Amino acid sequence: MAVPDDSPSDESLLARYRTGDAAAFEALYSRHRHRLYRFLVSLCNKAELAEEIYQDTWLSLIRSTTQPQGRASFRTWLFQIARNRLIDHWRKHGIHNPLH
């Protein structure tokens, strides 16, 4: 879903959230929640695991002080966090290279 021209960018919403603007987080969450969940389900094919990693991804973002680097968009960065959390889960449970 494209962001309308008059809407703040994801990156500006993230910056506003980091300065205490809770509404900015709500906007980011609303903008990316469905696509992020579908992405995780497509990677693991398990709704319950996708939900767990989905929650962990948003918690990671909340706790993080980093931002998208270089030319990476917020969405790319968020999805990479999710993918990394899923890989961490699999490693913790002894599952090797499930994405290969």
N, C-alpha and C. Protein backbone atom coordinates (compact mmCIF):
# COMPACT_ATOMS: atom_id res chain seq x y z
N MET A 1 0.84 -1.18 0.00
CA MET A 1 0.00 0.00 0.00
C MET A 1 0.89 1.24 0.00
N ALA A 2 0.71 2.09 -0.98
CA ALA A 2 1.51 3.31 -1.09
C ALA A 2 1.08 4.31 -0.03
N VAL A 3 2.05 5.08 0.43
CA VAL A 3 1.78 6.12 1.41
C VAL A 3 1.32 7.36 0.64
N PRO A 4 0.16 7.92 0.99
CA PRO A 4 -0.28 9.13 0.30
C PRO A 4 0.75 10.25 0.47
N ASP A 5 0.80 11.13 -0.51
CA ASP A 5 1.81 12.20 -0.52
C ASP A 5 1.78 13.07 0.73
N ASP A 6 0.61 13.26 1.33
CA ASP A 6 0.52 14.12 2.50
C ASP A 6 0.77 13.37 3.81
N SER A 7 0.98 12.07 3.75
CA SER A 7 1.27 11.29 4.94
C SER A 7 2.75 11.33 5.25
N PRO A 8 3.10 11.31 6.54
CA PRO A 8 4.52 11.29 6.89
C PRO A 8 5.16 9.96 6.47
N SER A 9 6.42 10.01 6.15
CA SER A 9 7.15 8.80 5.77
C SER A 9 7.29 7.89 6.99
N ASP A 10 7.56 6.62 6.71
CA ASP A 10 7.81 5.67 7.80
C ASP A 10 8.98 6.13 8.65
N GLU A 11 10.02 6.60 7.98
CA GLU A 11 11.22 7.03 8.70
C GLU A 11 10.92 8.21 9.63
N SER A 12 10.10 9.15 9.16
CA SER A 12 9.76 10.28 10.03
C SER A 12 8.85 9.83 11.18
N LEU A 13 7.97 8.87 10.91
CA LEU A 13 7.14 8.32 11.99
C LEU A 13 8.01 7.62 13.03
N LEU A 14 9.00 6.86 12.57
CA LEU A 14 9.91 6.19 13.51
C LEU A 14 10.64 7.23 14.36
N ALA A 15 11.12 8.28 13.74
CA ALA A 15 11.83 9.34 14.48
C ALA A 15 10.90 9.99 15.50
N ARG A 16 9.66 10.26 15.10
CA ARG A 16 8.69 10.85 16.02
C ARG A 16 8.37 9.90 17.17
N TYR A 17 8.23 8.61 16.86
CA TYR A 17 7.97 7.62 17.91
C TYR A 17 9.11 7.62 18.93
N ARG A 18 10.32 7.69 18.44
CA ARG A 18 11.50 7.65 19.32
C ARG A 18 11.59 8.88 20.22
N THR A 19 10.87 9.94 19.88
CA THR A 19 10.84 11.12 20.75
C THR A 19 9.59 11.14 21.63
N GLY A 20 8.86 10.02 21.65
CA GLY A 20 7.73 9.90 22.56
C GLY A 20 6.35 10.04 21.95
N ASP A 21 6.25 10.11 20.63
CA ASP A 21 4.97 10.25 19.96
C ASP A 21 4.34 8.88 19.74
N ALA A 22 3.47 8.48 20.66
CA ALA A 22 2.84 7.15 20.58
C ALA A 22 1.97 7.02 19.33
N ALA A 23 1.35 8.10 18.90
CA ALA A 23 0.50 8.05 17.70
C ALA A 23 1.33 7.70 16.47
N ALA A 24 2.60 8.08 16.46
CA ALA A 24 3.47 7.75 15.33
C ALA A 24 3.68 6.24 15.25
N PHE A 25 3.84 5.59 16.40
CA PHE A 25 3.97 4.13 16.40
C PHE A 25 2.68 3.49 15.90
N GLU A 26 1.54 4.00 16.36
CA GLU A 26 0.25 3.47 15.91
C GLU A 26 0.14 3.53 14.39
N ALA A 27 0.60 4.63 13.81
CA ALA A 27 0.55 4.78 12.35
C ALA A 27 1.46 3.77 11.67
N LEU A 28 2.67 3.59 12.19
CA LEU A 28 3.60 2.59 11.61
C LEU A 28 3.00 1.20 11.71
N TYR A 29 2.50 0.87 12.87
CA TYR A 29 1.92 -0.45 13.10
C TYR A 29 0.75 -0.69 12.14
N SER A 30 -0.12 0.27 12.06
CA SER A 30 -1.28 0.16 11.18
C SER A 30 -0.87 0.00 9.72
N ARG A 31 0.15 0.70 9.33
CA ARG A 31 0.63 0.69 7.94
C ARG A 31 1.26 -0.64 7.55
N HIS A 32 1.90 -1.33 8.50
CA HIS A 32 2.71 -2.51 8.15
C HIS A 32 2.24 -3.83 8.75
N ARG A 33 1.27 -3.81 9.63
CA ARG A 33 0.92 -5.03 10.37
C ARG A 33 0.47 -6.18 9.48
N HIS A 34 -0.40 -5.94 8.53
CA HIS A 34 -0.92 -7.04 7.71
C HIS A 34 0.15 -7.64 6.81
N ARG A 35 0.90 -6.77 6.16
CA ARG A 35 1.93 -7.25 5.25
C ARG A 35 3.03 -8.02 6.01
N LEU A 36 3.40 -7.50 7.18
CA LEU A 36 4.42 -8.18 7.98
C LEU A 36 3.95 -9.57 8.41
N TYR A 37 2.71 -9.66 8.86
CA TYR A 37 2.19 -10.96 9.29
C TYR A 37 2.15 -11.95 8.11
N ARG A 38 1.67 -11.49 6.97
CA ARG A 38 1.63 -12.37 5.78
C ARG A 38 3.04 -12.81 5.38
N PHE A 39 4.00 -11.91 5.47
CA PHE A 39 5.39 -12.24 5.16
C PHE A 39 5.87 -13.38 6.07
N LEU A 40 5.61 -13.28 7.35
CA LEU A 40 6.05 -14.31 8.29
C LEU A 40 5.35 -15.64 8.05
N VAL A 41 4.06 -15.61 7.78
CA VAL A 41 3.34 -16.84 7.49
C VAL A 41 3.92 -17.48 6.23
N SER A 42 4.27 -16.68 5.25
CA SER A 42 4.83 -17.24 4.01
C SER A 42 6.19 -17.88 4.25
N LEU A 43 6.94 -17.39 5.24
CA LEU A 43 8.25 -17.98 5.52
C LEU A 43 8.16 -19.27 6.33
N CYS A 44 7.24 -19.32 7.28
CA CYS A 44 7.23 -20.47 8.18
C CYS A 44 6.01 -21.39 8.01
N ASN A 45 4.98 -20.95 7.31
CA ASN A 45 3.78 -21.75 7.08
C ASN A 45 3.10 -22.24 8.36
N LYS A 46 3.29 -21.51 9.44
CA LYS A 46 2.66 -21.85 10.72
C LYS A 46 2.13 -20.58 11.34
N ALA A 47 0.82 -20.45 11.42
CA ALA A 47 0.20 -19.22 11.93
C ALA A 47 0.64 -18.92 13.36
N GLU A 48 0.71 -19.94 14.20
CA GLU A 48 1.07 -19.72 15.60
C GLU A 48 2.50 -19.20 15.73
N LEU A 49 3.42 -19.80 14.98
CA LEU A 49 4.82 -19.34 15.00
C LEU A 49 4.91 -17.95 14.39
N ALA A 50 4.19 -17.70 13.31
CA ALA A 50 4.20 -16.38 12.68
C ALA A 50 3.73 -15.32 13.67
N GLU A 51 2.70 -15.62 14.44
CA GLU A 51 2.18 -14.67 15.43
C GLU A 51 3.23 -14.38 16.50
N GLU A 52 3.91 -15.42 16.97
CA GLU A 52 4.95 -15.24 17.99
C GLU A 52 6.09 -14.36 17.47
N ILE A 53 6.55 -14.63 16.27
CA ILE A 53 7.65 -13.87 15.69
C ILE A 53 7.18 -12.45 15.35
N TYR A 54 5.95 -12.31 14.94
CA TYR A 54 5.35 -11.01 14.65
C TYR A 54 5.42 -10.12 15.89
N GLN A 55 4.98 -10.66 17.03
CA GLN A 55 5.03 -9.89 18.28
C GLN A 55 6.47 -9.57 18.66
N ASP A 56 7.35 -10.54 18.51
CA ASP A 56 8.77 -10.34 18.84
C ASP A 56 9.39 -9.26 17.95
N THR A 57 8.98 -9.23 16.70
CA THR A 57 9.50 -8.22 15.76
C THR A 57 9.12 -6.82 16.22
N TRP A 58 7.86 -6.62 16.57
CA TRP A 58 7.43 -5.29 17.02
C TRP A 58 8.12 -4.93 18.34
N LEU A 59 8.29 -5.90 19.23
CA LEU A 59 9.02 -5.61 20.48
C LEU A 59 10.47 -5.23 20.18
N SER A 60 11.08 -5.92 19.24
CA SER A 60 12.44 -5.59 18.85
C SER A 60 12.53 -4.16 18.32
N LEU A 61 11.56 -3.78 17.51
CA LEU A 61 11.55 -2.41 16.99
C LEU A 61 11.39 -1.41 18.13
N ILE A 62 10.50 -1.69 19.06
CA ILE A 62 10.27 -0.79 20.19
C ILE A 62 11.54 -0.63 21.02
N ARG A 63 12.25 -1.72 21.25
CA ARG A 63 13.46 -1.69 22.08
C ARG A 63 14.68 -1.16 21.34
N SER A 64 14.63 -1.17 20.04
CA SER A 64 15.78 -0.80 19.22
C SER A 64 16.03 0.70 19.24
N THR A 65 17.30 1.05 19.12
CA THR A 65 17.66 2.46 18.94
C THR A 65 18.24 2.69 17.55
N THR A 66 18.28 1.64 16.74
CA THR A 66 18.83 1.77 15.39
C THR A 66 17.73 2.17 14.41
N GLN A 67 18.15 2.47 13.21
CA GLN A 67 17.25 2.88 12.15
C GLN A 67 17.66 2.18 10.87
N PRO A 68 16.81 2.24 9.85
CA PRO A 68 17.22 1.69 8.56
C PRO A 68 18.52 2.34 8.11
N GLN A 69 19.41 1.53 7.57
CA GLN A 69 20.72 2.03 7.16
C GLN A 69 20.81 2.18 5.65
N GLY A 70 21.58 3.15 5.23
CA GLY A 70 21.80 3.35 3.80
C GLY A 70 20.50 3.65 3.08
N ARG A 71 20.28 2.94 2.00
CA ARG A 71 19.10 3.18 1.18
C ARG A 71 17.94 2.26 1.54
N ALA A 72 18.11 1.45 2.58
CA ALA A 72 17.04 0.53 2.97
C ALA A 72 15.82 1.31 3.45
N SER A 73 14.66 0.89 3.00
CA SER A 73 13.42 1.52 3.46
C SER A 73 13.07 0.96 4.84
N PHE A 74 12.18 1.65 5.51
CA PHE A 74 11.70 1.17 6.80
C PHE A 74 11.12 -0.23 6.65
N ARG A 75 10.32 -0.43 5.61
CA ARG A 75 9.69 -1.73 5.41
C ARG A 75 10.73 -2.84 5.24
N THR A 76 11.75 -2.59 4.43
CA THR A 76 12.82 -3.58 4.25
C THR A 76 13.48 -3.88 5.58
N TRP A 77 13.76 -2.85 6.34
CA TRP A 77 14.40 -2.99 7.65
C TRP A 77 13.51 -3.79 8.61
N LEU A 78 12.23 -3.46 8.65
CA LEU A 78 11.29 -4.17 9.52
C LEU A 78 11.20 -5.64 9.14
N PHE A 79 11.11 -5.93 7.85
CA PHE A 79 11.02 -7.31 7.40
C PHE A 79 12.32 -8.07 7.68
N GLN A 80 13.44 -7.39 7.63
CA GLN A 80 14.71 -8.04 7.96
C GLN A 80 14.77 -8.37 9.44
N ILE A 81 14.26 -7.49 10.28
CA ILE A 81 14.16 -7.78 11.72
C ILE A 81 13.33 -9.05 11.91
N ALA A 82 12.18 -9.11 11.24
CA ALA A 82 11.29 -10.26 11.36
C ALA A 82 11.98 -11.54 10.90
N ARG A 83 12.63 -11.47 9.76
CA ARG A 83 13.34 -12.65 9.24
C ARG A 83 14.43 -13.10 10.22
N ASN A 84 15.17 -12.16 10.77
CA ASN A 84 16.22 -12.49 11.74
C ASN A 84 15.64 -13.11 13.01
N ARG A 85 14.51 -12.60 13.49
CA ARG A 85 13.88 -13.18 14.68
C ARG A 85 13.44 -14.61 14.40
N LEU A 86 12.92 -14.86 13.19
CA LEU A 86 12.49 -16.21 12.83
C LEU A 86 13.69 -17.15 12.75
N ILE A 87 14.76 -16.71 12.13
CA ILE A 87 15.98 -17.53 12.05
C ILE A 87 16.52 -17.80 13.45
N ASP A 88 16.51 -16.79 14.33
CA ASP A 88 16.94 -17.00 15.71
C ASP A 88 16.10 -18.06 16.40
N HIS A 89 14.79 -18.02 16.17
CA HIS A 89 13.89 -19.02 16.75
C HIS A 89 14.26 -20.41 16.27
N TRP A 90 14.45 -20.55 14.96
CA TRP A 90 14.79 -21.86 14.40
C TRP A 90 16.12 -22.36 14.95
N ARG A 91 17.09 -21.50 15.04
CA ARG A 91 18.41 -21.91 15.59
C ARG A 91 18.27 -22.38 17.03
N LYS A 92 17.50 -21.65 17.80
CA LYS A 92 17.28 -22.00 19.21
C LYS A 92 16.67 -23.39 19.34
N HIS A 93 15.86 -23.77 18.34
CA HIS A 93 15.19 -25.07 18.36
C HIS A 93 15.87 -26.11 17.49
N GLY A 94 17.10 -25.83 17.09
CA GLY A 94 17.89 -26.82 16.34
C GLY A 94 17.49 -27.04 14.91
N ILE A 95 16.79 -26.09 14.31
CA ILE A 95 16.40 -26.21 12.92
C ILE A 95 17.41 -25.42 12.08
N HIS A 96 18.05 -26.07 11.13
CA HIS A 96 19.12 -25.44 10.35
C HIS A 96 18.68 -25.16 8.92
N ASN A 97 18.95 -23.95 8.45
CA ASN A 97 18.72 -23.52 7.06
C ASN A 97 17.33 -23.82 6.52
N PRO A 98 16.26 -23.54 7.23
CA PRO A 98 14.93 -23.84 6.69
C PRO A 98 14.54 -22.96 5.51
N LEU A 99 15.24 -21.84 5.32
CA LEU A 99 14.91 -20.95 4.20
C LEU A 99 15.68 -21.29 2.94
N HIS A 100 16.56 -22.28 3.02
CA HIS A 100 17.37 -22.63 1.83
C HIS A 100 16.81 -23.87 1.16
